[in-house]
Amino acid sequence: MATDETSMIDDYLLDRLPPEDRRAFETRLAQDSGLAGRVAERRQLLTQIEIYGDHLIKQRHRTIHHREASTPPCPPRRRGRLRSSFSSPT
């Protein structure tokens, strides 16, 4: 599949074509069964990519949540502990 055609198919599927270009593409799509097949394949691929992306986001969220739930809280900070090191001489 040519890169220009792939870009055009992606723009069509992602609704990024201006109305007149969309109408022209749909006319071509109705007349060219090969193009219709390539559009169907690309639609399936983009759907799978979207599903996989959603899966990765959910998996990352679960990992972060699990890590936060299993990390003990930080001990309280002692106030004034570093002040003597940074205080100016008087």
PDB file of N, CA and C in Angstrom:
ATOM      1  N   MET A   1       0.853  -1.176   0.000  1.00  0.00           N
ATOM      2  CA  MET A   1       0.000   0.000   0.000  1.00  0.00           C
ATOM      3  C   MET A   1       0.896   1.235   0.000  1.00  0.00           C
ATOM      4  N   ALA A   2       0.639   2.161  -0.860  1.00  0.00           N
ATOM      5  CA  ALA A   2       1.440   3.374  -0.971  1.00  0.00           C
ATOM      6  C   ALA A   2       1.264   4.240   0.279  1.00  0.00           C
ATOM      7  N   THR A   3       2.320   4.952   0.633  1.00  0.00           N
ATOM      8  CA  THR A   3       2.278   5.795   1.826  1.00  0.00           C
ATOM      9  C   THR A   3       1.208   6.878   1.710  1.00  0.00           C
ATOM     10  N   ASP A   4       1.086   7.495   0.532  1.00  0.00           N
ATOM     11  CA  ASP A   4       0.050   8.521   0.339  1.00  0.00           C
ATOM     12  C   ASP A   4      -1.338   7.928   0.527  1.00  0.00           C
ATOM     13  N   GLU A   5      -1.531   6.726  -0.010  1.00  0.00           N
ATOM     14  CA  GLU A   5      -2.836   6.084   0.137  1.00  0.00           C
ATOM     15  C   GLU A   5      -3.081   5.722   1.595  1.00  0.00           C
ATOM     16  N   THR A   6      -2.067   5.236   2.278  1.00  0.00           N
ATOM     17  CA  THR A   6      -2.210   4.895   3.692  1.00  0.00           C
ATOM     18  C   THR A   6      -2.569   6.135   4.508  1.00  0.00           C
ATOM     19  N   SER A   7      -1.913   7.235   4.220  1.00  0.00           N
ATOM     20  CA  SER A   7      -2.226   8.487   4.924  1.00  0.00           C
ATOM     21  C   SER A   7      -3.656   8.918   4.655  1.00  0.00           C
ATOM     22  N   MET A   8      -4.078   8.791   3.411  1.00  0.00           N
ATOM     23  CA  MET A   8      -5.450   9.166   3.046  1.00  0.00           C
ATOM     24  C   MET A   8      -6.456   8.266   3.764  1.00  0.00           C
ATOM     25  N   ILE A   9      -6.171   6.968   3.812  1.00  0.00           N
ATOM     26  CA  ILE A   9      -7.065   6.031   4.511  1.00  0.00           C
ATOM     27  C   ILE A   9      -7.120   6.378   6.000  1.00  0.00           C
ATOM     28  N   ASP A  10      -5.958   6.629   6.603  1.00  0.00           N
ATOM     29  CA  ASP A  10      -5.927   6.995   8.026  1.00  0.00           C
ATOM     30  C   ASP A  10      -6.724   8.270   8.275  1.00  0.00           C
ATOM     31  N   ASP A  11      -6.519   9.272   7.430  1.00  0.00           N
ATOM     32  CA  ASP A  11      -7.264  10.528   7.587  1.00  0.00           C
ATOM     33  C   ASP A  11      -8.763  10.287   7.448  1.00  0.00           C
ATOM     34  N   TYR A  12      -9.143   9.414   6.530  1.00  0.00           N
ATOM     35  CA  TYR A  12     -10.561   9.075   6.350  1.00  0.00           C
ATOM     36  C   TYR A  12     -11.105   8.385   7.601  1.00  0.00           C
ATOM     37  N   LEU A  13     -10.387   7.372   8.078  1.00  0.00           N
ATOM     38  CA  LEU A  13     -10.865   6.604   9.225  1.00  0.00           C
ATOM     39  C   LEU A  13     -10.868   7.428  10.511  1.00  0.00           C
ATOM     40  N   LEU A  14      -9.952   8.355  10.617  1.00  0.00           N
ATOM     41  CA  LEU A  14      -9.854   9.179  11.826  1.00  0.00           C
ATOM     42  C   LEU A  14     -10.613  10.500  11.680  1.00  0.00           C
ATOM     43  N   ASP A  15     -11.391  10.603  10.600  1.00  0.00           N
ATOM     44  CA  ASP A  15     -12.259  11.755  10.352  1.00  0.00           C
ATOM     45  C   ASP A  15     -11.473  13.074  10.321  1.00  0.00           C
ATOM     46  N   ARG A  16     -10.337  13.041   9.613  1.00  0.00           N
ATOM     47  CA  ARG A  16      -9.503  14.239   9.492  1.00  0.00           C
ATOM     48  C   ARG A  16      -9.555  14.855   8.098  1.00  0.00           C
ATOM     49  N   LEU A  17     -10.388  14.315   7.217  1.00  0.00           N
ATOM     50  CA  LEU A  17     -10.486  14.853   5.864  1.00  0.00           C
ATOM     51  C   LEU A  17     -11.495  15.992   5.825  1.00  0.00           C
ATOM     52  N   PRO A  18     -11.199  17.032   5.049  1.00  0.00           N
ATOM     53  CA  PRO A  18     -12.211  18.068   4.834  1.00  0.00           C
ATOM     54  C   PRO A  18     -13.420  17.445   4.125  1.00  0.00           C
ATOM     55  N   PRO A  19     -14.592  18.024   4.283  1.00  0.00           N
ATOM     56  CA  PRO A  19     -15.813  17.428   3.715  1.00  0.00           C
ATOM     57  C   PRO A  19     -15.712  17.093   2.226  1.00  0.00           C
ATOM     58  N   GLU A  20     -15.141  17.969   1.409  1.00  0.00           N
ATOM     59  CA  GLU A  20     -15.086  17.689  -0.036  1.00  0.00           C
ATOM     60  C   GLU A  20     -14.138  16.537  -0.348  1.00  0.00           C
ATOM     61  N   ASP A  21     -13.013  16.457   0.386  1.00  0.00           N
ATOM     62  CA  ASP A  21     -12.092  15.332   0.194  1.00  0.00           C
ATOM     63  C   ASP A  21     -12.712  14.028   0.673  1.00  0.00           C
ATOM     64  N   ARG A  22     -13.479  14.111   1.739  1.00  0.00           N
ATOM     65  CA  ARG A  22     -14.150  12.915   2.272  1.00  0.00           C
ATOM     66  C   ARG A  22     -15.155  12.372   1.249  1.00  0.00           C
ATOM     67  N   ARG A  23     -15.933  13.258   0.656  1.00  0.00           N
ATOM     68  CA  ARG A  23     -16.914  12.833  -0.358  1.00  0.00           C
ATOM     69  C   ARG A  23     -16.217  12.195  -1.557  1.00  0.00           C
ATOM     70  N   ALA A  24     -15.124  12.802  -1.987  1.00  0.00           N
ATOM     71  CA  ALA A  24     -14.372  12.260  -3.126  1.00  0.00           C
ATOM     72  C   ALA A  24     -13.799  10.884  -2.774  1.00  0.00           C
ATOM     73  N   PHE A  25     -13.290  10.742  -1.560  1.00  0.00           N
ATOM     74  CA  PHE A  25     -12.727   9.456  -1.135  1.00  0.00           C
ATOM     75  C   PHE A  25     -13.825   8.395  -1.061  1.00  0.00           C
ATOM     76  N   GLU A  26     -14.986   8.761  -0.537  1.00  0.00           N
ATOM     77  CA  GLU A  26     -16.093   7.805  -0.436  1.00  0.00           C
ATOM     78  C   GLU A  26     -16.598   7.388  -1.815  1.00  0.00           C
ATOM     79  N   THR A  27     -16.576   8.304  -2.782  1.00  0.00           N
ATOM     80  CA  THR A  27     -16.954   7.951  -4.152  1.00  0.00           C
ATOM     81  C   THR A  27     -15.966   6.935  -4.709  1.00  0.00           C
ATOM     82  N   ARG A  28     -14.692   7.208  -4.511  1.00  0.00           N
ATOM     83  CA  ARG A  28     -13.645   6.282  -4.971  1.00  0.00           C
ATOM     84  C   ARG A  28     -13.766   4.937  -4.264  1.00  0.00           C
ATOM     85  N   LEU A  29     -14.067   4.982  -2.982  1.00  0.00           N
ATOM     86  CA  LEU A  29     -14.216   3.774  -2.171  1.00  0.00           C
ATOM     87  C   LEU A  29     -15.358   2.905  -2.685  1.00  0.00           C
ATOM     88  N   ALA A  30     -16.454   3.530  -3.108  1.00  0.00           N
ATOM     89  CA  ALA A  30     -17.610   2.791  -3.617  1.00  0.00           C
ATOM     90  C   ALA A  30     -17.308   2.124  -4.959  1.00  0.00           C
ATOM     91  N   GLN A  31     -16.364   2.671  -5.699  1.00  0.00           N
ATOM     92  CA  GLN A  31     -16.064   2.152  -7.035  1.00  0.00           C
ATOM     93  C   GLN A  31     -14.880   1.184  -7.058  1.00  0.00           C
ATOM     94  N   ASP A  32     -14.067   1.172  -6.011  1.00  0.00           N
ATOM     95  CA  ASP A  32     -12.827   0.383  -6.007  1.00  0.00           C
ATOM     96  C   ASP A  32     -12.861  -0.636  -4.863  1.00  0.00           C
ATOM     97  N   SER A  33     -13.150  -1.896  -5.202  1.00  0.00           N
ATOM     98  CA  SER A  33     -13.255  -2.929  -4.163  1.00  0.00           C
ATOM     99  C   SER A  33     -11.900  -3.204  -3.505  1.00  0.00           C
ATOM    100  N   GLY A  34     -10.811  -3.026  -4.255  1.00  0.00           N
ATOM    101  CA  GLY A  34      -9.481  -3.199  -3.668  1.00  0.00           C
ATOM    102  C   GLY A  34      -9.223  -2.167  -2.583  1.00  0.00           C
ATOM    103  N   LEU A  35      -9.600  -0.929  -2.880  1.00  0.00           N
ATOM    104  CA  LEU A  35      -9.452   0.141  -1.884  1.00  0.00           C
ATOM    105  C   LEU A  35     -10.335  -0.149  -0.676  1.00  0.00           C
ATOM    106  N   ALA A  36     -11.548  -0.607  -0.919  1.00  0.00           N
ATOM    107  CA  ALA A  36     -12.467  -0.939   0.183  1.00  0.00           C
ATOM    108  C   ALA A  36     -11.859  -2.015   1.085  1.00  0.00           C
ATOM    109  N   GLY A  37     -11.192  -2.996   0.481  1.00  0.00           N
ATOM    110  CA  GLY A  37     -10.537  -4.041   1.266  1.00  0.00           C
ATOM    111  C   GLY A  37      -9.383  -3.487   2.089  1.00  0.00           C
ATOM    112  N   ARG A  38      -8.604  -2.582   1.480  1.00  0.00           N
ATOM    113  CA  ARG A  38      -7.478  -1.976   2.204  1.00  0.00           C
ATOM    114  C   ARG A  38      -7.970  -1.095   3.353  1.00  0.00           C
ATOM    115  N   VAL A  39      -9.093  -0.412   3.129  1.00  0.00           N
ATOM    116  CA  VAL A  39      -9.680   0.405   4.194  1.00  0.00           C
ATOM    117  C   VAL A  39     -10.152  -0.491   5.338  1.00  0.00           C
ATOM    118  N   ALA A  40     -10.779  -1.611   5.011  1.00  0.00           N
ATOM    119  CA  ALA A  40     -11.244  -2.545   6.049  1.00  0.00           C
ATOM    120  C   ALA A  40     -10.064  -3.103   6.850  1.00  0.00           C
ATOM    121  N   GLU A  41      -8.975  -3.455   6.171  1.00  0.00           N
ATOM    122  CA  GLU A  41      -7.779  -3.955   6.861  1.00  0.00           C
ATOM    123  C   GLU A  41      -7.188  -2.892   7.773  1.00  0.00           C
ATOM    124  N   ARG A  42      -7.122  -1.675   7.258  1.00  0.00           N
ATOM    125  CA  ARG A  42      -6.543  -0.577   8.047  1.00  0.00           C
ATOM    126  C   ARG A  42      -7.416  -0.258   9.250  1.00  0.00           C
ATOM    127  N   ARG A  43      -8.744  -0.302   9.063  1.00  0.00           N
ATOM    128  CA  ARG A  43      -9.677  -0.061  10.169  1.00  0.00           C
ATOM    129  C   ARG A  43      -9.452  -1.099  11.272  1.00  0.00           C
ATOM    130  N   GLN A  44      -9.291  -2.349  10.859  1.00  0.00           N
ATOM    131  CA  GLN A  44      -9.050  -3.415  11.832  1.00  0.00           C
ATOM    132  C   GLN A  44      -7.729  -3.188  12.562  1.00  0.00           C
ATOM    133  N   LEU A  45      -6.691  -2.812  11.828  1.00  0.00           N
ATOM    134  CA  LEU A  45      -5.397  -2.549  12.440  1.00  0.00           C
ATOM    135  C   LEU A  45      -5.478  -1.395  13.439  1.00  0.00           C
ATOM    136  N   LEU A  46      -6.100  -0.299  13.042  1.00  0.00           N
ATOM    137  CA  LEU A  46      -6.210   0.850  13.939  1.00  0.00           C
ATOM    138  C   LEU A  46      -7.035   0.516  15.178  1.00  0.00           C
ATOM    139  N   THR A  47      -8.065  -0.310  15.005  1.00  0.00           N
ATOM    140  CA  THR A  47      -8.873  -0.742  16.148  1.00  0.00           C
ATOM    141  C   THR A  47      -8.027  -1.572  17.109  1.00  0.00           C
ATOM    142  N   GLN A  48      -7.232  -2.483  16.565  1.00  0.00           N
ATOM    143  CA  GLN A  48      -6.362  -3.308  17.405  1.00  0.00           C
ATOM    144  C   GLN A  48      -5.322  -2.455  18.137  1.00  0.00           C
ATOM    145  N   ILE A  49      -4.774  -1.468  17.456  1.00  0.00           N
ATOM    146  CA  ILE A  49      -3.795  -0.565  18.086  1.00  0.00           C
ATOM    147  C   ILE A  49      -4.461   0.193  19.233  1.00  0.00           C
ATOM    148  N   GLU A  50      -5.677   0.662  19.005  1.00  0.00           N
ATOM    149  CA  GLU A  50      -6.399   1.383  20.044  1.00  0.00           C
ATOM    150  C   GLU A  50      -6.684   0.481  21.244  1.00  0.00           C
ATOM    151  N   ILE A  51      -7.118  -0.748  20.980  1.00  0.00           N
ATOM    152  CA  ILE A  51      -7.396  -1.700  22.060  1.00  0.00           C
ATOM    153  C   ILE A  51      -6.123  -2.006  22.834  1.00  0.00           C
ATOM    154  N   TYR A  52      -5.026  -2.225  22.120  1.00  0.00           N
ATOM    155  CA  TYR A  52      -3.745  -2.522  22.777  1.00  0.00           C
ATOM    156  C   TYR A  52      -3.284  -1.330  23.606  1.00  0.00           C
ATOM    157  N   GLY A  53      -3.444  -0.123  23.068  1.00  0.00           N
ATOM    158  CA  GLY A  53      -3.073   1.080  23.815  1.00  0.00           C
ATOM    159  C   GLY A  53      -3.878   1.212  25.093  1.00  0.00           C
ATOM    160  N   ASP A  54      -5.186   0.962  25.004  1.00  0.00           N
ATOM    161  CA  ASP A  54      -6.038   0.998  26.198  1.00  0.00           C
ATOM    162  C   ASP A  54      -5.575  -0.037  27.216  1.00  0.00           C
ATOM    163  N   HIS A  55      -5.218  -1.225  26.725  1.00  0.00           N
ATOM    164  CA  HIS A  55      -4.732  -2.287  27.608  1.00  0.00           C
ATOM    165  C   HIS A  55      -3.455  -1.846  28.322  1.00  0.00           C
ATOM    166  N   LEU A  56      -2.525  -1.233  27.581  1.00  0.00           N
ATOM    167  CA  LEU A  56      -1.269  -0.786  28.186  1.00  0.00           C
ATOM    168  C   LEU A  56      -1.503   0.287  29.241  1.00  0.00           C
ATOM    169  N   ILE A  57      -2.425   1.193  28.958  1.00  0.00           N
ATOM    170  CA  ILE A  57      -2.732   2.249  29.933  1.00  0.00           C
ATOM    171  C   ILE A  57      -3.312   1.646  31.201  1.00  0.00           C
ATOM    172  N   LYS A  58      -4.254   0.718  31.056  1.00  0.00           N
ATOM    173  CA  LYS A  58      -4.858   0.079  32.226  1.00  0.00           C
ATOM    174  C   LYS A  58      -3.825  -0.728  33.011  1.00  0.00           C
ATOM    175  N   GLN A  59      -2.953  -1.435  32.281  1.00  0.00           N
ATOM    176  CA  GLN A  59      -1.924  -2.222  32.942  1.00  0.00           C
ATOM    177  C   GLN A  59      -0.970  -1.313  33.721  1.00  0.00           C
ATOM    178  N   ARG A  60      -0.578  -0.205  33.121  1.00  0.00           N
ATOM    179  CA  ARG A  60       0.319   0.748  33.789  1.00  0.00           C
ATOM    180  C   ARG A  60      -0.356   1.326  35.020  1.00  0.00           C
ATOM    181  N   HIS A  61      -1.640   1.632  34.914  1.00  0.00           N
ATOM    182  CA  HIS A  61      -2.387   2.169  36.050  1.00  0.00           C
ATOM    183  C   HIS A  61      -2.415   1.165  37.194  1.00  0.00           C
ATOM    184  N   ARG A  62      -2.685  -0.105  36.864  1.00  0.00           N
ATOM    185  CA  ARG A  62      -2.699  -1.148  37.907  1.00  0.00           C
ATOM    186  C   ARG A  62      -1.327  -1.287  38.558  1.00  0.00           C
ATOM    187  N   THR A  63      -0.257  -1.224  37.762  1.00  0.00           N
ATOM    188  CA  THR A  63       1.098  -1.353  38.295  1.00  0.00           C
ATOM    189  C   THR A  63       1.402  -0.218  39.261  1.00  0.00           C
ATOM    190  N   ILE A  64       1.064   1.005  38.861  1.00  0.00           N
ATOM    191  CA  ILE A  64       1.310   2.163  39.723  1.00  0.00           C
ATOM    192  C   ILE A  64       0.491   2.047  41.001  1.00  0.00           C
ATOM    193  N   HIS A  65      -0.777   1.682  40.867  1.00  0.00           N
ATOM    194  CA  HIS A  65      -1.637   1.548  42.037  1.00  0.00           C
ATOM    195  C   HIS A  65      -1.102   0.470  42.980  1.00  0.00           C
ATOM    196  N   HIS A  66      -0.682  -0.664  42.414  1.00  0.00           N
ATOM    197  CA  HIS A  66      -0.143  -1.746  43.231  1.00  0.00           C
ATOM    198  C   HIS A  66       1.130  -1.298  43.941  1.00  0.00           C
ATOM    199  N   ARG A  67       1.992  -0.599  43.212  1.00  0.00           N
ATOM    200  CA  ARG A  67       3.249  -0.118  43.794  1.00  0.00           C
ATOM    201  C   ARG A  67       2.974   0.863  44.933  1.00  0.00           C
ATOM    202  N   GLU A  68       2.016   1.766  44.741  1.00  0.00           N
ATOM    203  CA  GLU A  68       1.684   2.735  45.782  1.00  0.00           C
ATOM    204  C   GLU A  68       1.077   2.053  46.997  1.00  0.00           C
ATOM    205  N   ALA A  69       0.262   1.038  46.762  1.00  0.00           N
ATOM    206  CA  ALA A  69      -0.389   0.335  47.868  1.00  0.00           C
ATOM    207  C   ALA A  69       0.608  -0.492  48.673  1.00  0.00           C
ATOM    208  N   SER A  70       1.675  -0.963  48.034  1.00  0.00           N
ATOM    209  CA  SER A  70       2.627  -1.820  48.739  1.00  0.00           C
ATOM    210  C   SER A  70       3.838  -1.055  49.277  1.00  0.00           C
ATOM    211  N   THR A  71       3.940   0.229  49.012  1.00  0.00           N
ATOM    212  CA  THR A  71       5.067   1.031  49.494  1.00  0.00           C
ATOM    213  C   THR A  71       4.719   1.576  50.870  1.00  0.00           C
ATOM    214  N   PRO A  72       5.593   1.321  51.853  1.00  0.00           N
ATOM    215  CA  PRO A  72       5.301   1.857  53.185  1.00  0.00           C
ATOM    216  C   PRO A  72       5.405   3.382  53.155  1.00  0.00           C
ATOM    217  N   PRO A  73       4.662   4.026  54.018  1.00  0.00           N
ATOM    218  CA  PRO A  73       4.724   5.486  54.036  1.00  0.00           C
ATOM    219  C   PRO A  73       6.101   5.963  54.488  1.00  0.00           C
ATOM    220  N   CYS A  74       6.469   7.131  54.071  1.00  0.00           N
ATOM    221  CA  CYS A  74       7.750   7.718  54.468  1.00  0.00           C
ATOM    222  C   CYS A  74       7.692   8.077  55.946  1.00  0.00           C
ATOM    223  N   PRO A  75       8.810   7.923  56.643  1.00  0.00           N
ATOM    224  CA  PRO A  75       8.810   8.318  58.058  1.00  0.00           C
ATOM    225  C   PRO A  75       8.662   9.837  58.154  1.00  0.00           C
ATOM    226  N   PRO A  76       8.129  10.313  59.261  1.00  0.00           N
ATOM    227  CA  PRO A  76       7.954  11.758  59.394  1.00  0.00           C
ATOM    228  C   PRO A  76       9.314  12.453  59.388  1.00  0.00           C
ATOM    229  N   ARG A  77       9.348  13.626  58.812  1.00  0.00           N
ATOM    230  CA  ARG A  77      10.578  14.394  58.738  1.00  0.00           C
ATOM    231  C   ARG A  77      10.788  15.157  60.036  1.00  0.00           C
ATOM    232  N   ARG A  78      12.013  15.160  60.489  1.00  0.00           N
ATOM    233  CA  ARG A  78      12.318  15.929  61.696  1.00  0.00           C
ATOM    234  C   ARG A  78      12.590  17.363  61.301  1.00  0.00           C
ATOM    235  N   ARG A  79      11.917  18.227  61.944  1.00  0.00           N
ATOM    236  CA  ARG A  79      12.109  19.638  61.643  1.00  0.00           C
ATOM    237  C   ARG A  79      13.353  20.155  62.351  1.00  0.00           C
ATOM    238  N   GLY A  80      14.061  21.027  61.677  1.00  0.00           N
ATOM    239  CA  GLY A  80      15.218  21.653  62.282  1.00  0.00           C
ATOM    240  C   GLY A  80      16.484  20.840  62.172  1.00  0.00           C
ATOM    241  N   ARG A  81      16.400  19.651  61.629  1.00  0.00           N
ATOM    242  CA  ARG A  81      17.565  18.774  61.560  1.00  0.00           C
ATOM    243  C   ARG A  81      18.670  19.354  60.675  1.00  0.00           C
ATOM    244  N   LEU A  82      18.318  19.979  59.585  1.00  0.00           N
ATOM    245  CA  LEU A  82      19.318  20.525  58.674  1.00  0.00           C
ATOM    246  C   LEU A  82      19.537  22.015  58.861  1.00  0.00           C
ATOM    247  N   ARG A  83      18.807  22.638  59.678  1.00  0.00           N
ATOM    248  CA  ARG A  83      18.909  24.086  59.810  1.00  0.00           C
ATOM    249  C   ARG A  83      20.282  24.533  60.278  1.00  0.00           C
ATOM    250  N   SER A  84      20.883  23.824  61.199  1.00  0.00           N
ATOM    251  CA  SER A  84      22.189  24.249  61.700  1.00  0.00           C
ATOM    252  C   SER A  84      23.247  24.216  60.598  1.00  0.00           C
ATOM    253  N   SER A  85      23.093  23.320  59.644  1.00  0.00           N
ATOM    254  CA  SER A  85      24.048  23.223  58.558  1.00  0.00           C
ATOM    255  C   SER A  85      23.964  24.395  57.611  1.00  0.00           C
ATOM    256  N   PHE A  86      22.787  24.965  57.469  1.00  0.00           N
ATOM    257  CA  PHE A  86      22.567  26.028  56.496  1.00  0.00           C
ATOM    258  C   PHE A  86      22.388  27.396  57.115  1.00  0.00           C
ATOM    259  N   SER A  87      22.393  27.473  58.423  1.00  0.00           N
ATOM    260  CA  SER A  87      22.160  28.776  59.032  1.00  0.00           C
ATOM    261  C   SER A  87      23.417  29.635  58.897  1.00  0.00           C
ATOM    262  N   SER A  88      23.191  30.899  58.785  1.00  0.00           N
ATOM    263  CA  SER A  88      24.330  31.809  58.607  1.00  0.00           C
ATOM    264  C   SER A  88      24.948  32.112  59.963  1.00  0.00           C
ATOM    265  N   PRO A  89      26.241  32.289  59.991  1.00  0.00           N
ATOM    266  CA  PRO A  89      26.899  32.590  61.279  1.00  0.00           C
ATOM    267  C   PRO A  89      26.446  33.960  61.786  1.00  0.00           C
ATOM    268  N   THR A  90      26.256  34.031  63.059  1.00  0.00           N
ATOM    269  CA  THR A  90      25.832  35.319  63.666  1.00  0.00           C
ATOM    270  C   THR A  90      26.890  35.892  64.523  1.00  0.00           C
TER     271      THR A  90
END
